[in-house]
Amino acid sequence: MTMAAKIEDRLTTLFRPERLILKDESAQHAGHYDEPDAPEITHLRIRIVSGKFKGMSRIARHRAVNEALGPEFADGLHALAIEAAAPGEPTRW
């Protein structure tokens, strides 16, 4: 299973999102994370709308997603941009 598939599966299981978009931005940071054993995804943008975020602050939402992806950070995920919203909240996307 690819790293992207693992991430999507974990986020779907934990947050039951109405909308989930994973955008691999690793190519935009070529050379930034220059290790011979670099993972397939080093920089990722996550756009997620989930009822689990209702009543949570932006920081709490980010912490929840970061905690969910702890194994991927341990495996070399280097940077994560999170755009999280509850249903009905405006999004830029």
PDB file of N, CA and C in Angstrom:
ATOM      1  N   MET A   1       0.851  -1.182   0.000  1.00  0.00           N
ATOM      2  CA  MET A   1       0.000   0.000   0.000  1.00  0.00           C
ATOM      3  C   MET A   1       0.895   1.243   0.000  1.00  0.00           C
ATOM      4  N   THR A   2       0.585   2.196  -0.858  1.00  0.00           N
ATOM      5  CA  THR A   2       1.384   3.420  -0.941  1.00  0.00           C
ATOM      6  C   THR A   2       1.167   4.283   0.295  1.00  0.00           C
ATOM      7  N   MET A   3       2.085   5.209   0.529  1.00  0.00           N
ATOM      8  CA  MET A   3       1.943   6.122   1.662  1.00  0.00           C
ATOM      9  C   MET A   3       0.654   6.936   1.526  1.00  0.00           C
ATOM     10  N   ALA A   4       0.346   7.388   0.330  1.00  0.00           N
ATOM     11  CA  ALA A   4      -0.876   8.175   0.119  1.00  0.00           C
ATOM     12  C   ALA A   4      -2.111   7.345   0.466  1.00  0.00           C
ATOM     13  N   ALA A   5      -2.121   6.084   0.077  1.00  0.00           N
ATOM     14  CA  ALA A   5      -3.260   5.214   0.374  1.00  0.00           C
ATOM     15  C   ALA A   5      -3.390   4.976   1.874  1.00  0.00           C
ATOM     16  N   LYS A   6      -2.268   4.812   2.559  1.00  0.00           N
ATOM     17  CA  LYS A   6      -2.291   4.630   4.009  1.00  0.00           C
ATOM     18  C   LYS A   6      -2.845   5.869   4.702  1.00  0.00           C
ATOM     19  N   ILE A   7      -2.395   7.033   4.243  1.00  0.00           N
ATOM     20  CA  ILE A   7      -2.855   8.291   4.834  1.00  0.00           C
ATOM     21  C   ILE A   7      -4.353   8.461   4.603  1.00  0.00           C
ATOM     22  N   GLU A   8      -4.788   8.241   3.378  1.00  0.00           N
ATOM     23  CA  GLU A   8      -6.214   8.380   3.065  1.00  0.00           C
ATOM     24  C   GLU A   8      -7.054   7.402   3.881  1.00  0.00           C
ATOM     25  N   ASP A   9      -6.582   6.178   4.006  1.00  0.00           N
ATOM     26  CA  ASP A   9      -7.303   5.166   4.770  1.00  0.00           C
ATOM     27  C   ASP A   9      -7.401   5.560   6.249  1.00  0.00           C
ATOM     28  N   ARG A  10      -6.314   6.005   6.825  1.00  0.00           N
ATOM     29  CA  ARG A  10      -6.314   6.376   8.235  1.00  0.00           C
ATOM     30  C   ARG A  10      -7.213   7.576   8.496  1.00  0.00           C
ATOM     31  N   LEU A  11      -7.118   8.604   7.658  1.00  0.00           N
ATOM     32  CA  LEU A  11      -7.952   9.789   7.849  1.00  0.00           C
ATOM     33  C   LEU A  11      -9.432   9.464   7.649  1.00  0.00           C
ATOM     34  N   THR A  12      -9.736   8.596   6.693  1.00  0.00           N
ATOM     35  CA  THR A  12     -11.121   8.205   6.463  1.00  0.00           C
ATOM     36  C   THR A  12     -11.668   7.430   7.658  1.00  0.00           C
ATOM     37  N   THR A  13     -10.866   6.539   8.186  1.00  0.00           N
ATOM     38  CA  THR A  13     -11.283   5.746   9.338  1.00  0.00           C
ATOM     39  C   THR A  13     -11.501   6.615  10.576  1.00  0.00           C
ATOM     40  N   LEU A  14     -10.587   7.531  10.839  1.00  0.00           N
ATOM     41  CA  LEU A  14     -10.650   8.331  12.061  1.00  0.00           C
ATOM     42  C   LEU A  14     -11.640   9.488  11.999  1.00  0.00           C
ATOM     43  N   PHE A  15     -11.767  10.119  10.824  1.00  0.00           N
ATOM     44  CA  PHE A  15     -12.545  11.351  10.740  1.00  0.00           C
ATOM     45  C   PHE A  15     -13.840  11.230   9.934  1.00  0.00           C
ATOM     46  N   ARG A  16     -14.025  10.137   9.210  1.00  0.00           N
ATOM     47  CA  ARG A  16     -15.227   9.956   8.393  1.00  0.00           C
ATOM     48  C   ARG A  16     -15.568  11.232   7.621  1.00  0.00           C
ATOM     49  N   PRO A  17     -14.637  11.729   6.808  1.00  0.00           N
ATOM     50  CA  PRO A  17     -14.839  13.025   6.148  1.00  0.00           C
ATOM     51  C   PRO A  17     -15.908  13.010   5.065  1.00  0.00           C
ATOM     52  N   GLU A  18     -16.546  14.163   4.927  1.00  0.00           N
ATOM     53  CA  GLU A  18     -17.459  14.386   3.801  1.00  0.00           C
ATOM     54  C   GLU A  18     -16.651  14.646   2.539  1.00  0.00           C
ATOM     55  N   ARG A  19     -15.487  15.243   2.751  1.00  0.00           N
ATOM     56  CA  ARG A  19     -14.607  15.568   1.624  1.00  0.00           C
ATOM     57  C   ARG A  19     -13.170  15.412   2.103  1.00  0.00           C
ATOM     58  N   LEU A  20     -12.345  14.795   1.305  1.00  0.00           N
ATOM     59  CA  LEU A  20     -10.934  14.598   1.633  1.00  0.00           C
ATOM     60  C   LEU A  20     -10.127  14.679   0.350  1.00  0.00           C
ATOM     61  N   ILE A  21      -9.174  15.577   0.338  1.00  0.00           N
ATOM     62  CA  ILE A  21      -8.278  15.735  -0.807  1.00  0.00           C
ATOM     63  C   ILE A  21      -6.848  15.693  -0.283  1.00  0.00           C
ATOM     64  N   LEU A  22      -6.042  14.832  -0.862  1.00  0.00           N
ATOM     65  CA  LEU A  22      -4.619  14.781  -0.561  1.00  0.00           C
ATOM     66  C   LEU A  22      -3.875  15.326  -1.765  1.00  0.00           C
ATOM     67  N   LYS A  23      -3.024  16.290  -1.536  1.00  0.00           N
ATOM     68  CA  LYS A  23      -2.271  16.884  -2.631  1.00  0.00           C
ATOM     69  C   LYS A  23      -0.782  16.737  -2.323  1.00  0.00           C
ATOM     70  N   ASP A  24      -0.123  15.902  -3.084  1.00  0.00           N
ATOM     71  CA  ASP A  24       1.309  15.674  -2.918  1.00  0.00           C
ATOM     72  C   ASP A  24       2.057  16.872  -3.495  1.00  0.00           C
ATOM     73  N   GLU A  25       2.743  17.603  -2.630  1.00  0.00           N
ATOM     74  CA  GLU A  25       3.498  18.782  -3.057  1.00  0.00           C
ATOM     75  C   GLU A  25       5.005  18.539  -2.988  1.00  0.00           C
ATOM     76  N   SER A  26       5.399  17.287  -2.928  1.00  0.00           N
ATOM     77  CA  SER A  26       6.809  16.939  -2.786  1.00  0.00           C
ATOM     78  C   SER A  26       7.668  17.481  -3.932  1.00  0.00           C
ATOM     79  N   ALA A  27       7.157  17.414  -5.153  1.00  0.00           N
ATOM     80  CA  ALA A  27       7.936  17.853  -6.316  1.00  0.00           C
ATOM     81  C   ALA A  27       8.271  19.338  -6.254  1.00  0.00           C
ATOM     82  N   GLN A  28       7.416  20.121  -5.606  1.00  0.00           N
ATOM     83  CA  GLN A  28       7.669  21.564  -5.480  1.00  0.00           C
ATOM     84  C   GLN A  28       8.812  21.856  -4.515  1.00  0.00           C
ATOM     85  N   HIS A  29       9.229  20.846  -3.776  1.00  0.00           N
ATOM     86  CA  HIS A  29      10.275  21.020  -2.771  1.00  0.00           C
ATOM     87  C   HIS A  29      11.469  20.122  -3.076  1.00  0.00           C
ATOM     88  N   ALA A  30      11.672  19.844  -4.344  1.00  0.00           N
ATOM     89  CA  ALA A  30      12.789  18.986  -4.757  1.00  0.00           C
ATOM     90  C   ALA A  30      14.095  19.546  -4.218  1.00  0.00           C
ATOM     91  N   GLY A  31      14.878  18.672  -3.611  1.00  0.00           N
ATOM     92  CA  GLY A  31      16.151  19.087  -3.039  1.00  0.00           C
ATOM     93  C   GLY A  31      16.043  19.585  -1.613  1.00  0.00           C
ATOM     94  N   HIS A  32      14.847  19.911  -1.193  1.00  0.00           N
ATOM     95  CA  HIS A  32      14.635  20.413   0.168  1.00  0.00           C
ATOM     96  C   HIS A  32      14.848  19.293   1.181  1.00  0.00           C
ATOM     97  N   TYR A  33      14.389  18.141   0.839  1.00  0.00           N
ATOM     98  CA  TYR A  33      14.498  16.966   1.710  1.00  0.00           C
ATOM     99  C   TYR A  33      15.305  15.956   0.931  1.00  0.00           C
ATOM    100  N   ASP A  34      16.595  16.149   0.924  1.00  0.00           N
ATOM    101  CA  ASP A  34      17.472  15.390   0.048  1.00  0.00           C
ATOM    102  C   ASP A  34      18.180  14.276   0.806  1.00  0.00           C
ATOM    103  N   GLU A  35      17.509  13.158   0.956  1.00  0.00           N
ATOM    104  CA  GLU A  35      18.105  11.993   1.586  1.00  0.00           C
ATOM    105  C   GLU A  35      17.957  10.817   0.639  1.00  0.00           C
ATOM    106  N   PRO A  36      18.922   9.928   0.636  1.00  0.00           N
ATOM    107  CA  PRO A  36      18.828   8.788  -0.274  1.00  0.00           C
ATOM    108  C   PRO A  36      17.593   7.917  -0.009  1.00  0.00           C
ATOM    109  N   ASP A  37      17.175   7.815   1.225  1.00  0.00           N
ATOM    110  CA  ASP A  37      16.027   6.980   1.582  1.00  0.00           C
ATOM    111  C   ASP A  37      14.767   7.801   1.808  1.00  0.00           C
ATOM    112  N   ALA A  38      14.629   8.918   1.112  1.00  0.00           N
ATOM    113  CA  ALA A  38      13.453   9.773   1.282  1.00  0.00           C
ATOM    114  C   ALA A  38      12.188   9.000   0.917  1.00  0.00           C
ATOM    115  N   PRO A  39      11.112   9.228   1.664  1.00  0.00           N
ATOM    116  CA  PRO A  39       9.854   8.536   1.347  1.00  0.00           C
ATOM    117  C   PRO A  39       9.253   9.068   0.054  1.00  0.00           C
ATOM    118  N   GLU A  40       8.231   8.381  -0.440  1.00  0.00           N
ATOM    119  CA  GLU A  40       7.600   8.793  -1.697  1.00  0.00           C
ATOM    120  C   GLU A  40       6.917  10.144  -1.562  1.00  0.00           C
ATOM    121  N   ILE A  41       6.415  10.469  -0.374  1.00  0.00           N
ATOM    122  CA  ILE A  41       5.786  11.771  -0.122  1.00  0.00           C
ATOM    123  C   ILE A  41       6.523  12.440   1.024  1.00  0.00           C
ATOM    124  N   THR A  42       7.052  13.636   0.765  1.00  0.00           N
ATOM    125  CA  THR A  42       7.729  14.388   1.824  1.00  0.00           C
ATOM    126  C   THR A  42       6.936  15.621   2.228  1.00  0.00           C
ATOM    127  N   HIS A  43       6.175  16.175   1.299  1.00  0.00           N
ATOM    128  CA  HIS A  43       5.379  17.384   1.543  1.00  0.00           C
ATOM    129  C   HIS A  43       3.945  17.122   1.073  1.00  0.00           C
ATOM    130  N   LEU A  44       2.994  17.326   1.972  1.00  0.00           N
ATOM    131  CA  LEU A  44       1.618  16.975   1.672  1.00  0.00           C
ATOM    132  C   LEU A  44       0.664  18.059   2.146  1.00  0.00           C
ATOM    133  N   ARG A  45      -0.342  18.346   1.329  1.00  0.00           N
ATOM    134  CA  ARG A  45      -1.436  19.246   1.709  1.00  0.00           C
ATOM    135  C   ARG A  45      -2.688  18.392   1.853  1.00  0.00           C
ATOM    136  N   ILE A  46      -3.362  18.542   2.987  1.00  0.00           N
ATOM    137  CA  ILE A  46      -4.593  17.796   3.249  1.00  0.00           C
ATOM    138  C   ILE A  46      -5.739  18.788   3.361  1.00  0.00           C
ATOM    139  N   ARG A  47      -6.774  18.538   2.592  1.00  0.00           N
ATOM    140  CA  ARG A  47      -8.007  19.315   2.677  1.00  0.00           C
ATOM    141  C   ARG A  47      -9.086  18.352   3.133  1.00  0.00           C
ATOM    142  N   ILE A  48      -9.690  18.647   4.279  1.00  0.00           N
ATOM    143  CA  ILE A  48     -10.617  17.696   4.872  1.00  0.00           C
ATOM    144  C   ILE A  48     -11.798  18.416   5.513  1.00  0.00           C
ATOM    145  N   VAL A  49     -12.990  17.908   5.251  1.00  0.00           N
ATOM    146  CA  VAL A  49     -14.211  18.409   5.881  1.00  0.00           C
ATOM    147  C   VAL A  49     -14.802  17.241   6.649  1.00  0.00           C
ATOM    148  N   SER A  50     -14.949  17.412   7.962  1.00  0.00           N
ATOM    149  CA  SER A  50     -15.439  16.329   8.803  1.00  0.00           C
ATOM    150  C   SER A  50     -16.282  16.873   9.954  1.00  0.00           C
ATOM    151  N   GLY A  51     -17.343  16.168  10.263  1.00  0.00           N
ATOM    152  CA  GLY A  51     -18.170  16.518  11.410  1.00  0.00           C
ATOM    153  C   GLY A  51     -17.413  16.404  12.724  1.00  0.00           C
ATOM    154  N   LYS A  52     -16.323  15.644  12.738  1.00  0.00           N
ATOM    155  CA  LYS A  52     -15.505  15.493  13.947  1.00  0.00           C
ATOM    156  C   LYS A  52     -14.843  16.813  14.341  1.00  0.00           C
ATOM    157  N   PHE A  53     -14.752  17.750  13.391  1.00  0.00           N
ATOM    158  CA  PHE A  53     -14.103  19.028  13.671  1.00  0.00           C
ATOM    159  C   PHE A  53     -15.057  20.074  14.249  1.00  0.00           C
ATOM    160  N   LYS A  54     -16.340  19.752  14.291  1.00  0.00           N
ATOM    161  CA  LYS A  54     -17.314  20.718  14.794  1.00  0.00           C
ATOM    162  C   LYS A  54     -16.981  21.080  16.244  1.00  0.00           C
ATOM    163  N   GLY A  55     -16.897  22.370  16.513  1.00  0.00           N
ATOM    164  CA  GLY A  55     -16.599  22.863  17.848  1.00  0.00           C
ATOM    165  C   GLY A  55     -15.122  22.862  18.211  1.00  0.00           C
ATOM    166  N   MET A  56     -14.281  22.356  17.329  1.00  0.00           N
ATOM    167  CA  MET A  56     -12.837  22.331  17.597  1.00  0.00           C
ATOM    168  C   MET A  56     -12.185  23.591  17.055  1.00  0.00           C
ATOM    169  N   SER A  57     -11.183  24.077  17.751  1.00  0.00           N
ATOM    170  CA  SER A  57     -10.412  25.216  17.254  1.00  0.00           C
ATOM    171  C   SER A  57      -9.541  24.756  16.090  1.00  0.00           C
ATOM    172  N   ARG A  58      -9.038  25.706  15.361  1.00  0.00           N
ATOM    173  CA  ARG A  58      -8.148  25.387  14.232  1.00  0.00           C
ATOM    174  C   ARG A  58      -6.929  24.613  14.721  1.00  0.00           C
ATOM    175  N   ILE A  59      -6.381  25.026  15.849  1.00  0.00           N
ATOM    176  CA  ILE A  59      -5.201  24.344  16.393  1.00  0.00           C
ATOM    177  C   ILE A  59      -5.541  22.909  16.789  1.00  0.00           C
ATOM    178  N   ALA A  60      -6.693  22.704  17.418  1.00  0.00           N
ATOM    179  CA  ALA A  60      -7.099  21.354  17.821  1.00  0.00           C
ATOM    180  C   ALA A  60      -7.294  20.456  16.601  1.00  0.00           C
ATOM    181  N   ARG A  61      -7.824  21.009  15.539  1.00  0.00           N
ATOM    182  CA  ARG A  61      -8.004  20.235  14.300  1.00  0.00           C
ATOM    183  C   ARG A  61      -6.649  19.805  13.744  1.00  0.00           C
ATOM    184  N   HIS A  62      -5.722  20.746  13.716  1.00  0.00           N
ATOM    185  CA  HIS A  62      -4.387  20.449  13.200  1.00  0.00           C
ATOM    186  C   HIS A  62      -3.700  19.402  14.065  1.00  0.00           C
ATOM    187  N   ARG A  63      -3.831  19.543  15.367  1.00  0.00           N
ATOM    188  CA  ARG A  63      -3.222  18.552  16.263  1.00  0.00           C
ATOM    189  C   ARG A  63      -3.806  17.168  16.031  1.00  0.00           C
ATOM    190  N   ALA A  64      -5.104  17.089  15.843  1.00  0.00           N
ATOM    191  CA  ALA A  64      -5.756  15.799  15.620  1.00  0.00           C
ATOM    192  C   ALA A  64      -5.239  15.135  14.346  1.00  0.00           C
ATOM    193  N   VAL A  65      -5.103  15.904  13.282  1.00  0.00           N
ATOM    194  CA  VAL A  65      -4.601  15.343  12.017  1.00  0.00           C
ATOM    195  C   VAL A  65      -3.133  14.961  12.159  1.00  0.00           C
ATOM    196  N   ASN A  66      -2.338  15.824  12.784  1.00  0.00           N
ATOM    197  CA  ASN A  66      -0.921  15.507  12.996  1.00  0.00           C
ATOM    198  C   ASN A  66      -0.756  14.229  13.810  1.00  0.00           C
ATOM    199  N   GLU A  67      -1.529  14.086  14.867  1.00  0.00           N
ATOM    200  CA  GLU A  67      -1.452  12.875  15.687  1.00  0.00           C
ATOM    201  C   GLU A  67      -1.842  11.639  14.869  1.00  0.00           C
ATOM    202  N   ALA A  68      -2.845  11.774  14.043  1.00  0.00           N
ATOM    203  CA  ALA A  68      -3.291  10.647  13.215  1.00  0.00           C
ATOM    204  C   ALA A  68      -2.191  10.187  12.265  1.00  0.00           C
ATOM    205  N   LEU A  69      -1.338  11.110  11.852  1.00  0.00           N
ATOM    206  CA  LEU A  69      -0.299  10.784  10.877  1.00  0.00           C
ATOM    207  C   LEU A  69       1.078  10.597  11.504  1.00  0.00           C
ATOM    208  N   GLY A  70       1.105  10.344  12.789  1.00  0.00           N
ATOM    209  CA  GLY A  70       2.370  10.101  13.491  1.00  0.00           C
ATOM    210  C   GLY A  70       3.237   9.045  12.820  1.00  0.00           C
ATOM    211  N   PRO A  71       2.669   7.897  12.416  1.00  0.00           N
ATOM    212  CA  PRO A  71       3.497   6.876  11.759  1.00  0.00           C
ATOM    213  C   PRO A  71       4.147   7.366  10.461  1.00  0.00           C
ATOM    214  N   GLU A  72       3.439   8.188   9.712  1.00  0.00           N
ATOM    215  CA  GLU A  72       4.005   8.705   8.455  1.00  0.00           C
ATOM    216  C   GLU A  72       5.132   9.698   8.743  1.00  0.00           C
ATOM    217  N   PHE A  73       4.988  10.507   9.781  1.00  0.00           N
ATOM    218  CA  PHE A  73       6.086  11.405  10.158  1.00  0.00           C
ATOM    219  C   PHE A  73       7.302  10.574  10.582  1.00  0.00           C
ATOM    220  N   ALA A  74       7.072   9.496  11.293  1.00  0.00           N
ATOM    221  CA  ALA A  74       8.167   8.617  11.698  1.00  0.00           C
ATOM    222  C   ALA A  74       8.827   7.970  10.482  1.00  0.00           C
ATOM    223  N   ASP A  75       8.045   7.779   9.409  1.00  0.00           N
ATOM    224  CA  ASP A  75       8.569   7.173   8.185  1.00  0.00           C
ATOM    225  C   ASP A  75       9.128   8.192   7.199  1.00  0.00           C
ATOM    226  N   GLY A  76       9.175   9.480   7.575  1.00  0.00           N
ATOM    227  CA  GLY A  76       9.829  10.459   6.719  1.00  0.00           C
ATOM    228  C   GLY A  76       8.971  11.560   6.146  1.00  0.00           C
ATOM    229  N   LEU A  77       7.655  11.551   6.397  1.00  0.00           N
ATOM    230  CA  LEU A  77       6.855  12.705   5.972  1.00  0.00           C
ATOM    231  C   LEU A  77       7.454  13.922   6.651  1.00  0.00           C
ATOM    232  N   HIS A  78       7.759  14.942   5.882  1.00  0.00           N
ATOM    233  CA  HIS A  78       8.547  16.067   6.374  1.00  0.00           C
ATOM    234  C   HIS A  78       7.694  17.300   6.673  1.00  0.00           C
ATOM    235  N   ALA A  79       6.704  17.562   5.843  1.00  0.00           N
ATOM    236  CA  ALA A  79       5.905  18.782   6.000  1.00  0.00           C
ATOM    237  C   ALA A  79       4.452  18.493   5.647  1.00  0.00           C
ATOM    238  N   LEU A  80       3.558  19.112   6.413  1.00  0.00           N
ATOM    239  CA  LEU A  80       2.134  18.877   6.232  1.00  0.00           C
ATOM    240  C   LEU A  80       1.383  20.195   6.343  1.00  0.00           C
ATOM    241  N   ALA A  81       0.615  20.517   5.313  1.00  0.00           N
ATOM    242  CA  ALA A  81      -0.277  21.677   5.342  1.00  0.00           C
ATOM    243  C   ALA A  81      -1.685  21.137   5.510  1.00  0.00           C
ATOM    244  N   ILE A  82      -2.403  21.641   6.499  1.00  0.00           N
ATOM    245  CA  ILE A  82      -3.728  21.121   6.806  1.00  0.00           C
ATOM    246  C   ILE A  82      -4.762  22.226   6.636  1.00  0.00           C
ATOM    247  N   GLU A  83      -5.781  21.926   5.850  1.00  0.00           N
ATOM    248  CA  GLU A  83      -6.928  22.803   5.695  1.00  0.00           C
ATOM    249  C   GLU A  83      -8.130  21.989   6.142  1.00  0.00           C
ATOM    250  N   ALA A  84      -8.542  22.197   7.389  1.00  0.00           N
ATOM    251  CA  ALA A  84      -9.602  21.384   7.983  1.00  0.00           C
ATOM    252  C   ALA A  84     -10.821  22.254   8.290  1.00  0.00           C
ATOM    253  N   ALA A  85     -11.993  21.698   8.009  1.00  0.00           N
ATOM    254  CA  ALA A  85     -13.236  22.428   8.259  1.00  0.00           C
ATOM    255  C   ALA A  85     -14.312  21.446   8.715  1.00  0.00           C
ATOM    256  N   ALA A  86     -15.291  21.981   9.421  1.00  0.00           N
ATOM    257  CA  ALA A  86     -16.483  21.219   9.768  1.00  0.00           C
ATOM    258  C   ALA A  86     -17.506  21.448   8.656  1.00  0.00           C
ATOM    259  N   PRO A  87     -18.473  20.561   8.505  1.00  0.00           N
ATOM    260  CA  PRO A  87     -19.496  20.751   7.477  1.00  0.00           C
ATOM    261  C   PRO A  87     -20.199  22.096   7.641  1.00  0.00           C
ATOM    262  N   GLY A  88     -20.409  22.754   6.515  1.00  0.00           N
ATOM    263  CA  GLY A  88     -21.082  24.049   6.518  1.00  0.00           C
ATOM    264  C   GLY A  88     -20.154  25.240   6.698  1.00  0.00           C
ATOM    265  N   GLU A  89     -18.925  24.997   7.098  1.00  0.00           N
ATOM    266  CA  GLU A  89     -17.973  26.097   7.226  1.00  0.00           C
ATOM    267  C   GLU A  89     -17.410  26.457   5.858  1.00  0.00           C
ATOM    268  N   PRO A  90     -17.140  27.726   5.637  1.00  0.00           N
ATOM    269  CA  PRO A  90     -16.578  28.107   4.342  1.00  0.00           C
ATOM    270  C   PRO A  90     -15.171  27.569   4.171  1.00  0.00           C
ATOM    271  N   THR A  91     -14.851  27.190   2.950  1.00  0.00           N
ATOM    272  CA  THR A  91     -13.497  26.765   2.619  1.00  0.00           C
ATOM    273  C   THR A  91     -13.037  27.579   1.416  1.00  0.00           C
ATOM    274  N   ARG A  92     -11.750  27.653   1.218  1.00  0.00           N
ATOM    275  CA  ARG A  92     -11.196  28.356   0.055  1.00  0.00           C
ATOM    276  C   ARG A  92     -11.148  27.448  -1.146  1.00  0.00           C
ATOM    277  N   TRP A  93     -11.540  26.216  -0.982  1.00  0.00           N
ATOM    278  CA  TRP A  93     -11.431  25.234  -2.045  1.00  0.00           C
ATOM    279  C   TRP A  93     -12.726  24.551  -2.201  1.00  0.00           C
TER     280      TRP A  93
END
